[in-house]
Amino acid sequence: MDIQEYQRFISAFYKKRNWYQYDPFIRSNFLTEEVGEVCRAIRTIEIGRDRSDETVLADEENLENLTEELGDVLDNLFILADKYDISLEMIMQKHRTKLMERYPEE
């Protein structure tokens, strides 16, 4: 599945479930929440958890959790981009150009 196809899929998926209608301000807060969950997943992988009431998971389970949380972040980014009619390809192209101009090869 390519990026455009996934962006169309996730927008339709969210619209069908009435999740799409949240304005970008609320959606950006959802994104922030998901980024926090990515940070927690990375912390678990890198230094473990220190709460006695949490179950210690196998490495594979921790990586699966990180993968799921990264997916949630991407979905929220895709929805925000869609709300402003910005394709992910455009974002990547413009960002690449910015990086190459800002940090040219020596």
N, C-alpha and C. Protein backbone atom coordinates (compact mmCIF):
# COMPACT_ATOMS: atom_id res chain seq x y z
N MET A 1 0.86 -1.18 0.00
CA MET A 1 0.00 0.00 0.00
C MET A 1 0.90 1.24 0.00
N ASP A 2 0.61 2.19 -0.89
CA ASP A 2 1.42 3.40 -0.90
C ASP A 2 0.82 4.46 0.02
N ILE A 3 1.54 5.55 0.18
CA ILE A 3 1.14 6.58 1.14
C ILE A 3 -0.19 7.22 0.76
N GLN A 4 -0.37 7.56 -0.51
CA GLN A 4 -1.63 8.18 -0.95
C GLN A 4 -2.82 7.26 -0.69
N GLU A 5 -2.63 6.00 -1.00
CA GLU A 5 -3.71 5.03 -0.79
C GLU A 5 -4.05 4.93 0.70
N TYR A 6 -3.03 4.91 1.54
CA TYR A 6 -3.29 4.83 2.98
C TYR A 6 -3.96 6.11 3.48
N GLN A 7 -3.52 7.26 3.00
CA GLN A 7 -4.14 8.51 3.43
C GLN A 7 -5.63 8.52 3.07
N ARG A 8 -5.98 8.05 1.88
CA ARG A 8 -7.39 7.96 1.48
C ARG A 8 -8.14 6.97 2.38
N PHE A 9 -7.50 5.81 2.63
CA PHE A 9 -8.12 4.79 3.48
C PHE A 9 -8.41 5.34 4.87
N ILE A 10 -7.40 5.96 5.49
CA ILE A 10 -7.57 6.38 6.88
C ILE A 10 -8.60 7.51 6.98
N SER A 11 -8.65 8.39 5.99
CA SER A 11 -9.67 9.45 6.01
C SER A 11 -11.07 8.85 5.91
N ALA A 12 -11.26 7.92 5.00
CA ALA A 12 -12.56 7.26 4.85
C ALA A 12 -12.92 6.47 6.11
N PHE A 13 -11.95 5.79 6.69
CA PHE A 13 -12.15 5.01 7.90
C PHE A 13 -12.63 5.91 9.04
N TYR A 14 -11.95 7.04 9.23
CA TYR A 14 -12.32 7.98 10.29
C TYR A 14 -13.68 8.61 10.02
N LYS A 15 -13.97 8.95 8.77
CA LYS A 15 -15.26 9.56 8.43
C LYS A 15 -16.40 8.60 8.70
N LYS A 16 -16.22 7.34 8.35
CA LYS A 16 -17.27 6.34 8.55
C LYS A 16 -17.61 6.17 10.03
N ARG A 17 -16.65 6.38 10.89
CA ARG A 17 -16.85 6.20 12.33
C ARG A 17 -17.12 7.52 13.07
N ASN A 18 -17.30 8.58 12.29
CA ASN A 18 -17.54 9.92 12.86
C ASN A 18 -16.39 10.41 13.74
N TRP A 19 -15.18 10.04 13.41
CA TRP A 19 -14.00 10.53 14.13
C TRP A 19 -13.34 11.67 13.39
N TYR A 20 -13.68 11.83 12.13
CA TYR A 20 -13.02 12.82 11.27
C TYR A 20 -13.46 14.25 11.59
N GLN A 21 -14.67 14.40 12.11
CA GLN A 21 -15.27 15.72 12.25
C GLN A 21 -14.59 16.60 13.29
N TYR A 22 -13.75 16.05 14.15
CA TYR A 22 -13.09 16.88 15.16
C TYR A 22 -12.21 17.92 14.48
N ASP A 23 -12.28 19.16 14.98
CA ASP A 23 -11.51 20.21 14.34
C ASP A 23 -10.01 19.98 14.56
N PRO A 24 -9.18 20.64 13.76
CA PRO A 24 -7.73 20.41 13.83
C PRO A 24 -7.13 20.69 15.21
N PHE A 25 -7.70 21.62 15.95
CA PHE A 25 -7.18 21.89 17.29
C PHE A 25 -7.35 20.66 18.18
N ILE A 26 -8.52 20.06 18.15
CA ILE A 26 -8.76 18.84 18.94
C ILE A 26 -7.90 17.70 18.40
N ARG A 27 -7.84 17.55 17.08
CA ARG A 27 -7.04 16.49 16.47
C ARG A 27 -5.57 16.63 16.87
N SER A 28 -5.06 17.86 16.94
CA SER A 28 -3.66 18.05 17.33
C SER A 28 -3.44 17.63 18.78
N ASN A 29 -4.45 17.75 19.60
CA ASN A 29 -4.34 17.25 20.98
C ASN A 29 -4.33 15.73 21.01
N PHE A 30 -5.12 15.10 20.14
CA PHE A 30 -5.06 13.64 20.03
C PHE A 30 -3.66 13.21 19.59
N LEU A 31 -3.09 13.95 18.65
CA LEU A 31 -1.74 13.66 18.17
C LEU A 31 -0.74 13.75 19.32
N THR A 32 -0.85 14.78 20.13
CA THR A 32 0.05 14.95 21.27
C THR A 32 -0.07 13.78 22.24
N GLU A 33 -1.28 13.34 22.49
CA GLU A 33 -1.50 12.18 23.36
C GLU A 33 -0.81 10.95 22.79
N GLU A 34 -0.95 10.73 21.50
CA GLU A 34 -0.33 9.56 20.87
C GLU A 34 1.19 9.65 20.88
N VAL A 35 1.74 10.85 20.71
CA VAL A 35 3.20 11.02 20.79
C VAL A 35 3.68 10.65 22.19
N GLY A 36 2.91 11.01 23.21
CA GLY A 36 3.25 10.61 24.57
C GLY A 36 3.27 9.10 24.73
N GLU A 37 2.35 8.42 24.07
CA GLU A 37 2.32 6.96 24.14
C GLU A 37 3.51 6.35 23.40
N VAL A 38 3.96 6.99 22.33
CA VAL A 38 5.19 6.55 21.65
C VAL A 38 6.37 6.69 22.61
N CYS A 39 6.45 7.82 23.30
CA CYS A 39 7.54 8.04 24.25
C CYS A 39 7.53 6.99 25.36
N ARG A 40 6.35 6.65 25.83
CA ARG A 40 6.25 5.63 26.87
C ARG A 40 6.72 4.28 26.34
N ALA A 41 6.32 3.94 25.12
CA ALA A 41 6.73 2.66 24.53
C ALA A 41 8.25 2.61 24.36
N ILE A 42 8.84 3.72 23.92
CA ILE A 42 10.30 3.76 23.77
C ILE A 42 10.98 3.65 25.13
N ARG A 43 10.44 4.33 26.12
CA ARG A 43 11.01 4.23 27.47
C ARG A 43 11.00 2.78 27.95
N THR A 44 9.89 2.10 27.71
CA THR A 44 9.78 0.70 28.12
C THR A 44 10.85 -0.15 27.45
N ILE A 45 11.08 0.08 26.17
CA ILE A 45 12.08 -0.69 25.43
C ILE A 45 13.49 -0.36 25.91
N GLU A 46 13.76 0.91 26.11
CA GLU A 46 15.12 1.35 26.42
C GLU A 46 15.53 1.18 27.87
N ILE A 47 14.64 1.52 28.81
CA ILE A 47 15.04 1.44 30.22
C ILE A 47 14.07 0.65 31.08
N GLY A 48 13.00 0.16 30.48
CA GLY A 48 12.05 -0.65 31.23
C GLY A 48 11.04 0.20 31.97
N ARG A 49 10.18 -0.48 32.66
CA ARG A 49 9.16 0.18 33.47
C ARG A 49 9.53 -0.01 34.92
N ASP A 50 9.13 0.92 35.76
CA ASP A 50 9.52 0.83 37.17
C ASP A 50 8.32 0.73 38.12
N ARG A 51 7.17 0.43 37.55
CA ARG A 51 5.99 0.29 38.40
C ARG A 51 5.73 -1.19 38.65
N SER A 52 5.55 -1.52 39.91
CA SER A 52 5.35 -2.92 40.27
C SER A 52 4.01 -3.48 39.78
N ASP A 53 3.06 -2.61 39.45
CA ASP A 53 1.75 -3.09 39.01
C ASP A 53 1.69 -3.31 37.49
N GLU A 54 2.80 -3.11 36.79
CA GLU A 54 2.83 -3.31 35.34
C GLU A 54 3.50 -4.63 35.00
N THR A 55 2.93 -5.30 34.03
CA THR A 55 3.47 -6.58 33.58
C THR A 55 4.67 -6.34 32.68
N VAL A 56 5.72 -7.11 32.90
CA VAL A 56 6.90 -7.04 32.03
C VAL A 56 6.59 -7.85 30.77
N LEU A 57 6.75 -7.20 29.61
CA LEU A 57 6.44 -7.85 28.34
C LEU A 57 7.72 -8.31 27.65
N ALA A 58 7.57 -9.26 26.76
CA ALA A 58 8.69 -9.72 25.95
C ALA A 58 9.09 -8.62 24.98
N ASP A 59 10.34 -8.67 24.50
CA ASP A 59 10.83 -7.66 23.56
C ASP A 59 9.92 -7.53 22.35
N GLU A 60 9.45 -8.66 21.82
CA GLU A 60 8.59 -8.63 20.64
C GLU A 60 7.29 -7.88 20.93
N GLU A 61 6.73 -8.09 22.12
CA GLU A 61 5.50 -7.40 22.50
C GLU A 61 5.73 -5.90 22.64
N ASN A 62 6.88 -5.52 23.20
CA ASN A 62 7.21 -4.11 23.34
C ASN A 62 7.36 -3.45 21.97
N LEU A 63 8.00 -4.14 21.04
CA LEU A 63 8.15 -3.60 19.68
C LEU A 63 6.80 -3.52 18.97
N GLU A 64 5.94 -4.49 19.20
CA GLU A 64 4.59 -4.46 18.62
C GLU A 64 3.83 -3.26 19.16
N ASN A 65 3.95 -3.00 20.45
CA ASN A 65 3.28 -1.85 21.05
C ASN A 65 3.81 -0.55 20.44
N LEU A 66 5.12 -0.44 20.28
CA LEU A 66 5.70 0.76 19.66
C LEU A 66 5.18 0.93 18.24
N THR A 67 5.12 -0.16 17.50
CA THR A 67 4.61 -0.11 16.12
C THR A 67 3.17 0.40 16.09
N GLU A 68 2.34 -0.09 16.99
CA GLU A 68 0.94 0.35 17.06
C GLU A 68 0.85 1.83 17.40
N GLU A 69 1.65 2.28 18.36
CA GLU A 69 1.60 3.68 18.77
C GLU A 69 2.11 4.59 17.65
N LEU A 70 3.15 4.17 16.93
CA LEU A 70 3.63 4.96 15.79
C LEU A 70 2.54 5.05 14.72
N GLY A 71 1.78 3.97 14.54
CA GLY A 71 0.66 3.99 13.61
C GLY A 71 -0.40 4.99 14.02
N ASP A 72 -0.68 5.08 15.32
CA ASP A 72 -1.66 6.06 15.80
C ASP A 72 -1.18 7.49 15.53
N VAL A 73 0.12 7.73 15.70
CA VAL A 73 0.68 9.05 15.39
C VAL A 73 0.51 9.35 13.91
N LEU A 74 0.88 8.39 13.07
CA LEU A 74 0.75 8.60 11.63
C LEU A 74 -0.69 8.87 11.22
N ASP A 75 -1.62 8.12 11.79
CA ASP A 75 -3.03 8.34 11.44
C ASP A 75 -3.45 9.77 11.75
N ASN A 76 -3.08 10.27 12.91
CA ASN A 76 -3.44 11.64 13.27
C ASN A 76 -2.77 12.66 12.36
N LEU A 77 -1.52 12.41 11.99
CA LEU A 77 -0.85 13.29 11.03
C LEU A 77 -1.56 13.27 9.68
N PHE A 78 -1.95 12.08 9.23
CA PHE A 78 -2.63 11.95 7.95
C PHE A 78 -3.96 12.70 7.96
N ILE A 79 -4.70 12.59 9.06
CA ILE A 79 -5.99 13.28 9.15
C ILE A 79 -5.78 14.79 9.15
N LEU A 80 -4.80 15.28 9.89
CA LEU A 80 -4.52 16.72 9.89
C LEU A 80 -4.15 17.20 8.49
N ALA A 81 -3.29 16.47 7.83
CA ALA A 81 -2.89 16.84 6.47
C ALA A 81 -4.11 16.84 5.54
N ASP A 82 -4.96 15.84 5.67
CA ASP A 82 -6.15 15.74 4.83
C ASP A 82 -7.09 16.92 5.06
N LYS A 83 -7.25 17.33 6.30
CA LYS A 83 -8.13 18.45 6.61
C LYS A 83 -7.67 19.74 5.94
N TYR A 84 -6.38 19.85 5.71
CA TYR A 84 -5.83 21.04 5.04
C TYR A 84 -5.51 20.77 3.57
N ASP A 85 -5.97 19.62 3.08
CA ASP A 85 -5.77 19.22 1.68
C ASP A 85 -4.28 19.24 1.30
N ILE A 86 -3.47 18.66 2.18
CA ILE A 86 -2.04 18.55 1.94
C ILE A 86 -1.71 17.06 1.81
N SER A 87 -1.10 16.69 0.71
CA SER A 87 -0.74 15.28 0.54
C SER A 87 0.56 14.99 1.30
N LEU A 88 0.70 13.75 1.72
CA LEU A 88 1.93 13.36 2.41
C LEU A 88 3.12 13.44 1.47
N GLU A 89 2.89 13.19 0.19
CA GLU A 89 3.98 13.32 -0.79
C GLU A 89 4.49 14.75 -0.84
N MET A 90 3.55 15.71 -0.80
CA MET A 90 3.94 17.11 -0.83
C MET A 90 4.76 17.46 0.42
N ILE A 91 4.31 16.97 1.56
CA ILE A 91 5.03 17.22 2.81
C ILE A 91 6.45 16.68 2.70
N MET A 92 6.58 15.45 2.23
CA MET A 92 7.91 14.84 2.14
C MET A 92 8.80 15.57 1.14
N GLN A 93 8.24 15.96 0.01
CA GLN A 93 9.03 16.67 -0.99
C GLN A 93 9.51 18.01 -0.46
N LYS A 94 8.60 18.77 0.12
CA LYS A 94 8.96 20.09 0.64
C LYS A 94 9.96 19.98 1.79
N HIS A 95 9.76 18.99 2.64
CA HIS A 95 10.68 18.84 3.77
C HIS A 95 12.07 18.41 3.30
N ARG A 96 12.10 17.55 2.32
CA ARG A 96 13.39 17.13 1.77
C ARG A 96 14.13 18.33 1.18
N THR A 97 13.41 19.15 0.42
CA THR A 97 14.01 20.35 -0.16
C THR A 97 14.53 21.27 0.94
N LYS A 98 13.74 21.46 1.97
CA LYS A 98 14.16 22.31 3.09
C LYS A 98 15.44 21.79 3.73
N LEU A 99 15.48 20.48 3.98
CA LEU A 99 16.67 19.89 4.60
C LEU A 99 17.90 20.03 3.72
N MET A 100 17.73 19.80 2.43
CA MET A 100 18.87 19.89 1.52
C MET A 100 19.38 21.33 1.40
N GLU A 101 18.47 22.29 1.46
CA GLU A 101 18.89 23.69 1.41
C GLU A 101 19.54 24.12 2.73
N ARG A 102 18.98 23.66 3.82
CA ARG A 102 19.50 24.05 5.13
C ARG A 102 20.81 23.35 5.47
N TYR A 103 20.93 22.11 5.04
CA TYR A 103 22.12 21.31 5.37
C TYR A 103 22.71 20.72 4.10
N PRO A 104 23.28 21.55 3.24
CA PRO A 104 23.83 21.03 1.98
C PRO A 104 25.02 20.12 2.24
N GLU A 105 25.22 19.20 1.31
CA GLU A 105 26.37 18.30 1.42
C GLU A 105 27.64 19.11 1.23
N GLU A 106 28.64 18.76 1.98
CA GLU A 106 29.90 19.51 1.90
C GLU A 106 30.84 18.93 0.89
